[in-house]
Amino acid sequence: MKPLRLLDINLVILPVNDNLNVELEEGGLHWILLVYYKETNSFFHHAYFMGANQWNARQLYKAVSLFVSDGDAAFRECGDTPQQKNGYDCGVHLLATAQVICKWFSSGGMKNRDELWLSDVKETVSNVVNNLREEILGLIRRLMSEKSVSK
């Protein structure tokens, strides 16, 4: 962790899977997002299915907090995170949330306004999820057609 120099980084995006066996490459059933924001010295847990993976998020928080803030960072649940409506969209929700947060951060974050990304996530993630589904489907179709042409 030390070579990552996390103490120097203002925003850390951490995808979290519930796979407890790292030897199993396709393990785990659910993804959530854990975000560290230096300005608030807090980790934010975005869960997409009724608070799932809180234990996994807290384990990662405990492990990483020493490397970003001398171990005194807070852990915050983001209760307004849009929830997936099926049993398979957690990865797309994670990507959409990360995209919204990165856009918020790159536009100046709290320097341009006095609030975090939470309202942006609440208001826009559902639309971003729909767009990402279409982008991913298009990418899969393009890769499949390229593969069939190369045979």
N, C-alpha and C. Protein backbone atom coordinates (compact mmCIF):
# COMPACT_ATOMS: atom_id res chain seq x y z
N MET A 1 0.82 -1.21 0.00
CA MET A 1 0.00 0.00 0.00
C MET A 1 0.86 1.26 0.00
N LYS A 2 2.01 1.23 0.66
CA LYS A 2 2.81 2.45 0.76
C LYS A 2 3.20 3.04 -0.59
N PRO A 3 3.58 2.21 -1.59
CA PRO A 3 3.94 2.81 -2.89
C PRO A 3 2.79 3.57 -3.56
N LEU A 4 1.56 3.29 -3.17
CA LEU A 4 0.42 4.01 -3.75
C LEU A 4 0.34 5.46 -3.26
N ARG A 5 1.02 5.75 -2.16
CA ARG A 5 1.06 7.10 -1.59
C ARG A 5 -0.35 7.68 -1.41
N LEU A 6 -1.20 6.91 -0.77
CA LEU A 6 -2.59 7.31 -0.59
C LEU A 6 -2.76 8.56 0.26
N LEU A 7 -1.79 8.87 1.10
CA LEU A 7 -1.87 10.11 1.89
C LEU A 7 -1.87 11.35 1.00
N ASP A 8 -1.35 11.22 -0.21
CA ASP A 8 -1.26 12.35 -1.14
C ASP A 8 -2.45 12.45 -2.09
N ILE A 9 -3.38 11.51 -2.00
CA ILE A 9 -4.48 11.45 -2.95
C ILE A 9 -5.76 11.99 -2.30
N ASN A 10 -6.50 12.80 -3.04
CA ASN A 10 -7.70 13.45 -2.49
C ASN A 10 -8.97 12.60 -2.60
N LEU A 11 -9.04 11.73 -3.60
CA LEU A 11 -10.23 10.91 -3.81
C LEU A 11 -9.78 9.51 -4.18
N VAL A 12 -10.25 8.52 -3.42
CA VAL A 12 -9.89 7.12 -3.67
C VAL A 12 -11.19 6.34 -3.89
N ILE A 13 -11.29 5.70 -5.05
CA ILE A 13 -12.46 4.90 -5.41
C ILE A 13 -12.10 3.43 -5.24
N LEU A 14 -12.85 2.72 -4.38
CA LEU A 14 -12.54 1.33 -4.06
C LEU A 14 -13.74 0.43 -4.35
N PRO A 15 -13.74 -0.30 -5.47
CA PRO A 15 -14.79 -1.29 -5.70
C PRO A 15 -14.61 -2.44 -4.70
N VAL A 16 -15.70 -2.93 -4.14
CA VAL A 16 -15.63 -3.99 -3.12
C VAL A 16 -16.54 -5.13 -3.54
N ASN A 17 -15.98 -6.34 -3.54
CA ASN A 17 -16.74 -7.55 -3.84
C ASN A 17 -16.81 -8.39 -2.57
N ASP A 18 -17.84 -9.21 -2.45
CA ASP A 18 -18.01 -10.02 -1.25
C ASP A 18 -17.29 -11.37 -1.33
N ASN A 19 -16.39 -11.53 -2.29
CA ASN A 19 -15.63 -12.78 -2.41
C ASN A 19 -14.60 -12.87 -1.28
N LEU A 20 -14.76 -13.85 -0.41
CA LEU A 20 -13.82 -14.01 0.69
C LEU A 20 -12.66 -14.92 0.32
N ASN A 21 -12.74 -15.62 -0.80
CA ASN A 21 -11.69 -16.52 -1.25
C ASN A 21 -11.03 -15.92 -2.49
N VAL A 22 -9.93 -15.22 -2.30
CA VAL A 22 -9.28 -14.54 -3.42
C VAL A 22 -8.63 -15.52 -4.40
N GLU A 23 -8.52 -16.80 -4.02
CA GLU A 23 -8.01 -17.81 -4.94
C GLU A 23 -9.06 -18.17 -5.99
N LEU A 24 -10.32 -17.89 -5.71
CA LEU A 24 -11.43 -18.19 -6.61
C LEU A 24 -11.67 -16.97 -7.48
N GLU A 25 -11.24 -17.03 -8.74
CA GLU A 25 -11.28 -15.83 -9.59
C GLU A 25 -12.67 -15.36 -9.96
N GLU A 26 -13.66 -16.21 -9.94
CA GLU A 26 -15.01 -15.79 -10.27
C GLU A 26 -15.91 -15.82 -9.05
N GLY A 27 -15.34 -15.66 -7.89
CA GLY A 27 -16.11 -15.71 -6.66
C GLY A 27 -16.83 -14.41 -6.38
N GLY A 28 -17.67 -14.45 -5.39
CA GLY A 28 -18.41 -13.26 -4.99
C GLY A 28 -19.71 -13.11 -5.75
N LEU A 29 -20.65 -12.50 -5.08
CA LEU A 29 -21.98 -12.33 -5.66
C LEU A 29 -22.39 -10.87 -5.82
N HIS A 30 -21.72 -9.98 -5.12
CA HIS A 30 -22.23 -8.60 -5.10
C HIS A 30 -21.09 -7.59 -5.02
N TRP A 31 -21.28 -6.48 -5.71
CA TRP A 31 -20.33 -5.37 -5.70
C TRP A 31 -20.96 -4.16 -5.02
N ILE A 32 -20.13 -3.42 -4.28
CA ILE A 32 -20.51 -2.11 -3.74
C ILE A 32 -19.32 -1.18 -3.95
N LEU A 33 -19.51 0.08 -3.61
CA LEU A 33 -18.44 1.06 -3.80
C LEU A 33 -18.11 1.71 -2.46
N LEU A 34 -16.82 1.79 -2.17
CA LEU A 34 -16.33 2.51 -1.01
C LEU A 34 -15.45 3.64 -1.53
N VAL A 35 -15.72 4.85 -1.07
CA VAL A 35 -15.02 6.04 -1.58
C VAL A 35 -14.41 6.78 -0.40
N TYR A 36 -13.12 7.09 -0.52
CA TYR A 36 -12.48 7.94 0.49
C TYR A 36 -12.31 9.33 -0.09
N TYR A 37 -12.76 10.35 0.67
CA TYR A 37 -12.60 11.74 0.26
C TYR A 37 -11.81 12.45 1.33
N LYS A 38 -10.61 12.88 0.96
CA LYS A 38 -9.66 13.47 1.91
C LYS A 38 -10.20 14.73 2.59
N GLU A 39 -10.91 15.57 1.84
CA GLU A 39 -11.38 16.84 2.39
C GLU A 39 -12.29 16.65 3.61
N THR A 40 -13.03 15.54 3.63
CA THR A 40 -13.90 15.25 4.77
C THR A 40 -13.32 14.17 5.68
N ASN A 41 -12.18 13.60 5.28
CA ASN A 41 -11.54 12.51 6.00
C ASN A 41 -12.55 11.40 6.32
N SER A 42 -13.29 11.02 5.27
CA SER A 42 -14.36 10.03 5.44
C SER A 42 -14.37 9.02 4.31
N PHE A 43 -14.78 7.81 4.67
CA PHE A 43 -15.10 6.77 3.70
C PHE A 43 -16.61 6.74 3.54
N PHE A 44 -17.09 6.62 2.31
CA PHE A 44 -18.51 6.61 2.01
C PHE A 44 -18.85 5.26 1.38
N HIS A 45 -19.80 4.57 1.98
CA HIS A 45 -20.23 3.25 1.52
C HIS A 45 -21.49 3.38 0.68
N HIS A 46 -21.36 3.08 -0.61
CA HIS A 46 -22.50 3.09 -1.53
C HIS A 46 -22.89 1.64 -1.80
N ALA A 47 -24.04 1.22 -1.27
CA ALA A 47 -24.54 -0.14 -1.48
C ALA A 47 -25.77 -0.08 -2.38
N TYR A 48 -25.91 -1.06 -3.25
CA TYR A 48 -26.97 -1.02 -4.27
C TYR A 48 -28.09 -2.02 -4.03
N PHE A 49 -27.98 -2.76 -2.92
CA PHE A 49 -29.00 -3.75 -2.62
C PHE A 49 -29.16 -3.87 -1.11
N MET A 50 -29.99 -3.03 -0.53
CA MET A 50 -30.35 -3.06 0.89
C MET A 50 -29.12 -3.11 1.83
N GLY A 51 -28.15 -2.30 1.56
CA GLY A 51 -26.99 -2.21 2.44
C GLY A 51 -26.06 -3.40 2.38
N ALA A 52 -26.15 -4.21 1.34
CA ALA A 52 -25.32 -5.40 1.22
C ALA A 52 -23.84 -5.06 1.27
N ASN A 53 -23.05 -6.02 1.71
CA ASN A 53 -21.59 -5.93 1.77
C ASN A 53 -21.08 -4.92 2.79
N GLN A 54 -21.89 -4.55 3.75
CA GLN A 54 -21.40 -3.60 4.74
C GLN A 54 -20.20 -4.18 5.49
N TRP A 55 -20.26 -5.46 5.81
CA TRP A 55 -19.14 -6.09 6.52
C TRP A 55 -17.87 -6.00 5.69
N ASN A 56 -17.97 -6.32 4.38
CA ASN A 56 -16.80 -6.26 3.49
C ASN A 56 -16.27 -4.83 3.38
N ALA A 57 -17.20 -3.87 3.27
CA ALA A 57 -16.79 -2.47 3.18
C ALA A 57 -16.08 -2.02 4.45
N ARG A 58 -16.59 -2.42 5.60
CA ARG A 58 -15.95 -2.04 6.87
C ARG A 58 -14.58 -2.70 7.03
N GLN A 59 -14.44 -3.92 6.56
CA GLN A 59 -13.13 -4.59 6.62
C GLN A 59 -12.10 -3.83 5.77
N LEU A 60 -12.50 -3.44 4.57
CA LEU A 60 -11.60 -2.68 3.70
C LEU A 60 -11.30 -1.31 4.30
N TYR A 61 -12.33 -0.67 4.84
CA TYR A 61 -12.16 0.63 5.51
C TYR A 61 -11.11 0.52 6.62
N LYS A 62 -11.21 -0.50 7.46
CA LYS A 62 -10.25 -0.68 8.56
C LYS A 62 -8.84 -0.90 8.03
N ALA A 63 -8.73 -1.65 6.95
CA ALA A 63 -7.42 -1.96 6.40
C ALA A 63 -6.78 -0.75 5.71
N VAL A 64 -7.58 0.05 5.02
CA VAL A 64 -7.04 1.15 4.21
C VAL A 64 -6.93 2.45 4.99
N SER A 65 -7.75 2.63 6.01
CA SER A 65 -7.79 3.93 6.70
C SER A 65 -6.43 4.33 7.27
N LEU A 66 -5.63 3.38 7.66
CA LEU A 66 -4.29 3.71 8.18
C LEU A 66 -3.39 4.32 7.11
N PHE A 67 -3.68 4.02 5.84
CA PHE A 67 -2.83 4.50 4.76
C PHE A 67 -3.30 5.83 4.17
N VAL A 68 -4.50 6.25 4.51
CA VAL A 68 -5.01 7.52 3.95
C VAL A 68 -5.12 8.62 4.98
N SER A 69 -5.19 8.27 6.28
CA SER A 69 -5.49 9.33 7.24
C SER A 69 -4.99 9.06 8.66
N ASP A 70 -3.97 8.31 8.80
CA ASP A 70 -3.48 7.96 10.14
C ASP A 70 -4.53 7.22 10.96
N GLY A 71 -5.51 6.60 10.30
CA GLY A 71 -6.49 5.75 10.96
C GLY A 71 -7.66 6.44 11.62
N ASP A 72 -7.81 7.76 11.46
CA ASP A 72 -8.90 8.46 12.14
C ASP A 72 -10.06 8.83 11.20
N ALA A 73 -10.11 8.23 10.02
CA ALA A 73 -11.19 8.55 9.07
C ALA A 73 -12.51 7.96 9.53
N ALA A 74 -13.59 8.65 9.19
CA ALA A 74 -14.94 8.20 9.53
C ALA A 74 -15.46 7.25 8.46
N PHE A 75 -16.45 6.45 8.84
CA PHE A 75 -17.14 5.55 7.91
C PHE A 75 -18.59 6.01 7.84
N ARG A 76 -19.07 6.31 6.63
CA ARG A 76 -20.43 6.83 6.47
C ARG A 76 -21.23 5.98 5.49
N GLU A 77 -22.43 5.61 5.90
CA GLU A 77 -23.36 4.92 5.00
C GLU A 77 -24.06 5.96 4.13
N CYS A 78 -24.19 5.67 2.85
CA CYS A 78 -24.89 6.57 1.93
C CYS A 78 -26.25 5.98 1.66
N GLY A 79 -27.21 6.32 2.48
CA GLY A 79 -28.55 5.74 2.42
C GLY A 79 -29.36 6.13 1.20
N ASP A 80 -28.98 7.21 0.53
CA ASP A 80 -29.73 7.65 -0.65
C ASP A 80 -29.19 7.09 -1.96
N THR A 81 -28.26 6.14 -1.89
CA THR A 81 -27.72 5.54 -3.10
C THR A 81 -28.84 4.79 -3.83
N PRO A 82 -29.05 5.07 -5.12
CA PRO A 82 -30.09 4.36 -5.87
C PRO A 82 -29.88 2.84 -5.82
N GLN A 83 -30.96 2.13 -5.63
CA GLN A 83 -30.90 0.68 -5.49
C GLN A 83 -31.17 -0.02 -6.83
N GLN A 84 -30.48 -1.12 -7.04
CA GLN A 84 -30.72 -1.90 -8.24
C GLN A 84 -32.10 -2.55 -8.14
N LYS A 85 -32.71 -2.77 -9.29
CA LYS A 85 -34.06 -3.30 -9.32
C LYS A 85 -34.08 -4.78 -9.72
N ASN A 86 -32.91 -5.38 -9.81
CA ASN A 86 -32.81 -6.78 -10.18
C ASN A 86 -31.62 -7.40 -9.44
N GLY A 87 -31.32 -8.63 -9.70
CA GLY A 87 -30.26 -9.31 -8.98
C GLY A 87 -28.92 -9.32 -9.69
N TYR A 88 -28.74 -8.50 -10.72
CA TYR A 88 -27.49 -8.59 -11.49
C TYR A 88 -26.89 -7.25 -11.89
N ASP A 89 -27.42 -6.14 -11.46
CA ASP A 89 -26.94 -4.83 -11.91
C ASP A 89 -25.97 -4.13 -10.96
N CYS A 90 -25.49 -4.80 -9.93
CA CYS A 90 -24.63 -4.11 -8.95
C CYS A 90 -23.35 -3.57 -9.59
N GLY A 91 -22.77 -4.31 -10.52
CA GLY A 91 -21.55 -3.84 -11.18
C GLY A 91 -21.78 -2.59 -12.01
N VAL A 92 -22.89 -2.55 -12.72
CA VAL A 92 -23.23 -1.38 -13.53
C VAL A 92 -23.52 -0.19 -12.61
N HIS A 93 -24.22 -0.44 -11.50
CA HIS A 93 -24.48 0.64 -10.54
C HIS A 93 -23.16 1.18 -9.96
N LEU A 94 -22.24 0.28 -9.66
CA LEU A 94 -20.93 0.70 -9.14
C LEU A 94 -20.23 1.61 -10.15
N LEU A 95 -20.19 1.18 -11.41
CA LEU A 95 -19.53 1.99 -12.45
C LEU A 95 -20.21 3.34 -12.62
N ALA A 96 -21.54 3.35 -12.61
CA ALA A 96 -22.28 4.60 -12.77
C ALA A 96 -22.01 5.55 -11.60
N THR A 97 -22.02 5.01 -10.39
CA THR A 97 -21.76 5.84 -9.21
C THR A 97 -20.35 6.40 -9.25
N ALA A 98 -19.38 5.56 -9.59
CA ALA A 98 -17.99 6.03 -9.70
C ALA A 98 -17.88 7.12 -10.75
N GLN A 99 -18.57 6.95 -11.87
CA GLN A 99 -18.54 7.96 -12.94
C GLN A 99 -19.10 9.29 -12.44
N VAL A 100 -20.23 9.27 -11.76
CA VAL A 100 -20.84 10.49 -11.24
C VAL A 100 -19.92 11.16 -10.22
N ILE A 101 -19.32 10.38 -9.34
CA ILE A 101 -18.42 10.94 -8.32
C ILE A 101 -17.19 11.55 -8.98
N CYS A 102 -16.61 10.88 -9.96
CA CYS A 102 -15.43 11.42 -10.64
C CYS A 102 -15.75 12.70 -11.40
N LYS A 103 -16.93 12.74 -12.00
CA LYS A 103 -17.36 13.96 -12.69
C LYS A 103 -17.51 15.11 -11.69
N TRP A 104 -18.14 14.82 -10.54
CA TRP A 104 -18.29 15.82 -9.48
C TRP A 104 -16.92 16.32 -9.03
N PHE A 105 -16.00 15.39 -8.80
CA PHE A 105 -14.67 15.74 -8.30
C PHE A 105 -13.90 16.55 -9.34
N SER A 106 -13.96 16.12 -10.61
CA SER A 106 -13.19 16.82 -11.64
C SER A 106 -13.75 18.22 -11.94
N SER A 107 -15.00 18.47 -11.54
CA SER A 107 -15.56 19.81 -11.74
C SER A 107 -15.30 20.71 -10.54
N GLY A 108 -14.46 20.27 -9.62
CA GLY A 108 -14.06 21.12 -8.51
C GLY A 108 -14.50 20.62 -7.15
N GLY A 109 -15.34 19.62 -7.11
CA GLY A 109 -15.77 19.06 -5.83
C GLY A 109 -16.36 20.11 -4.91
N MET A 110 -16.00 20.05 -3.65
CA MET A 110 -16.56 20.97 -2.66
C MET A 110 -16.03 22.40 -2.81
N LYS A 111 -15.03 22.60 -3.64
CA LYS A 111 -14.51 23.94 -3.83
C LYS A 111 -15.50 24.83 -4.58
N ASN A 112 -16.31 24.19 -5.46
CA ASN A 112 -17.29 24.95 -6.24
C ASN A 112 -18.65 25.03 -5.57
N ARG A 113 -18.89 24.16 -4.60
CA ARG A 113 -20.16 24.16 -3.88
C ARG A 113 -19.94 23.53 -2.52
N ASP A 114 -20.88 23.69 -1.66
CA ASP A 114 -20.70 23.26 -0.28
C ASP A 114 -21.24 21.87 0.02
N GLU A 115 -21.49 21.06 -0.99
CA GLU A 115 -22.03 19.74 -0.72
C GLU A 115 -21.20 18.67 -1.42
N LEU A 116 -21.34 17.47 -0.95
CA LEU A 116 -20.67 16.33 -1.55
C LEU A 116 -21.42 15.87 -2.79
N TRP A 117 -21.00 14.77 -3.35
CA TRP A 117 -21.59 14.19 -4.55
C TRP A 117 -22.89 13.45 -4.29
N LEU A 118 -23.32 13.33 -3.05
CA LEU A 118 -24.44 12.46 -2.70
C LEU A 118 -25.72 12.81 -3.44
N SER A 119 -26.04 14.09 -3.58
CA SER A 119 -27.25 14.46 -4.31
C SER A 119 -27.10 14.17 -5.81
N ASP A 120 -25.90 14.35 -6.35
CA ASP A 120 -25.66 14.02 -7.75
C ASP A 120 -25.89 12.53 -8.00
N VAL A 121 -25.40 11.70 -7.08
CA VAL A 121 -25.59 10.25 -7.19
C VAL A 121 -27.08 9.93 -7.15
N LYS A 122 -27.76 10.49 -6.17
CA LYS A 122 -29.20 10.21 -6.00
C LYS A 122 -29.99 10.60 -7.24
N GLU A 123 -29.64 11.75 -7.83
CA GLU A 123 -30.42 12.29 -8.94
C GLU A 123 -30.06 11.72 -10.30
N THR A 124 -28.83 11.26 -10.50
CA THR A 124 -28.40 10.92 -11.86
C THR A 124 -27.99 9.47 -12.09
N VAL A 125 -27.70 8.72 -11.05
CA VAL A 125 -27.16 7.37 -11.26
C VAL A 125 -28.10 6.48 -12.06
N SER A 126 -29.39 6.56 -11.82
CA SER A 126 -30.33 5.70 -12.56
C SER A 126 -30.24 5.93 -14.07
N ASN A 127 -30.14 7.18 -14.50
CA ASN A 127 -29.98 7.46 -15.93
C ASN A 127 -28.63 7.00 -16.45
N VAL A 128 -27.58 7.20 -15.66
CA VAL A 128 -26.25 6.76 -16.07
C VAL A 128 -26.22 5.24 -16.20
N VAL A 129 -26.89 4.52 -15.28
CA VAL A 129 -26.97 3.06 -15.36
C VAL A 129 -27.58 2.64 -16.70
N ASN A 130 -28.68 3.26 -17.08
CA ASN A 130 -29.33 2.92 -18.35
C ASN A 130 -28.39 3.15 -19.54
N ASN A 131 -27.68 4.27 -19.53
CA ASN A 131 -26.74 4.57 -20.62
C ASN A 131 -25.58 3.58 -20.62
N LEU A 132 -25.07 3.25 -19.45
CA LEU A 132 -23.95 2.30 -19.37
C LEU A 132 -24.35 0.91 -19.87
N ARG A 133 -25.56 0.48 -19.53
CA ARG A 133 -26.03 -0.82 -20.03
C ARG A 133 -25.96 -0.85 -21.56
N GLU A 134 -26.44 0.23 -22.19
CA GLU A 134 -26.42 0.29 -23.66
C GLU A 134 -24.99 0.35 -24.19
N GLU A 135 -24.12 1.12 -23.53
CA GLU A 135 -22.71 1.20 -23.96
C GLU A 135 -22.04 -0.16 -23.86
N ILE A 136 -22.27 -0.86 -22.76
CA ILE A 136 -21.65 -2.17 -22.54
C ILE A 136 -22.18 -3.18 -23.55
N LEU A 137 -23.48 -3.16 -23.79
CA LEU A 137 -24.06 -4.06 -24.80
C LEU A 137 -23.47 -3.78 -26.17
N GLY A 138 -23.33 -2.51 -26.52
CA GLY A 138 -22.72 -2.15 -27.80
C GLY A 138 -21.28 -2.63 -27.89
N LEU A 139 -20.55 -2.49 -26.81
CA LEU A 139 -19.16 -2.95 -26.78
C LEU A 139 -19.09 -4.47 -26.96
N ILE A 140 -19.95 -5.20 -26.27
CA ILE A 140 -19.97 -6.66 -26.39
C ILE A 140 -20.29 -7.07 -27.83
N ARG A 141 -21.29 -6.43 -28.41
CA ARG A 141 -21.65 -6.76 -29.80
C ARG A 141 -20.50 -6.46 -30.76
N ARG A 142 -19.83 -5.32 -30.55
CA ARG A 142 -18.70 -4.96 -31.43
C ARG A 142 -17.57 -5.98 -31.29
N LEU A 143 -17.24 -6.36 -30.05
CA LEU A 143 -16.17 -7.33 -29.83
C LEU A 143 -16.53 -8.70 -30.41
N MET A 144 -17.81 -9.08 -30.28
CA MET A 144 -18.25 -10.36 -30.86
C MET A 144 -18.14 -10.34 -32.37
N SER A 145 -18.51 -9.23 -32.98
CA SER A 145 -18.44 -9.16 -34.45
C SER A 145 -16.98 -9.13 -34.91
N GLU A 146 -16.10 -8.45 -34.17
CA GLU A 146 -14.67 -8.44 -34.50
C GLU A 146 -14.08 -9.84 -34.37
N LYS A 147 -14.51 -10.57 -33.36
CA LYS A 147 -14.00 -11.93 -33.14
C LYS A 147 -14.45 -12.85 -34.27
N SER A 148 -15.71 -12.73 -34.71
CA SER A 148 -16.21 -13.59 -35.77
C SER A 148 -15.56 -13.25 -37.11
N VAL A 149 -15.20 -11.99 -37.34
CA VAL A 149 -14.53 -11.58 -38.57
C VAL A 149 -13.11 -12.12 -38.60
N SER A 150 -12.44 -12.18 -37.45
CA SER A 150 -11.05 -12.62 -37.40
C SER A 150 -10.89 -14.13 -37.53
N LYS A 151 -12.00 -14.89 -37.44
CA LYS A 151 -11.92 -16.36 -37.57
C LYS A 151 -11.74 -16.79 -38.97
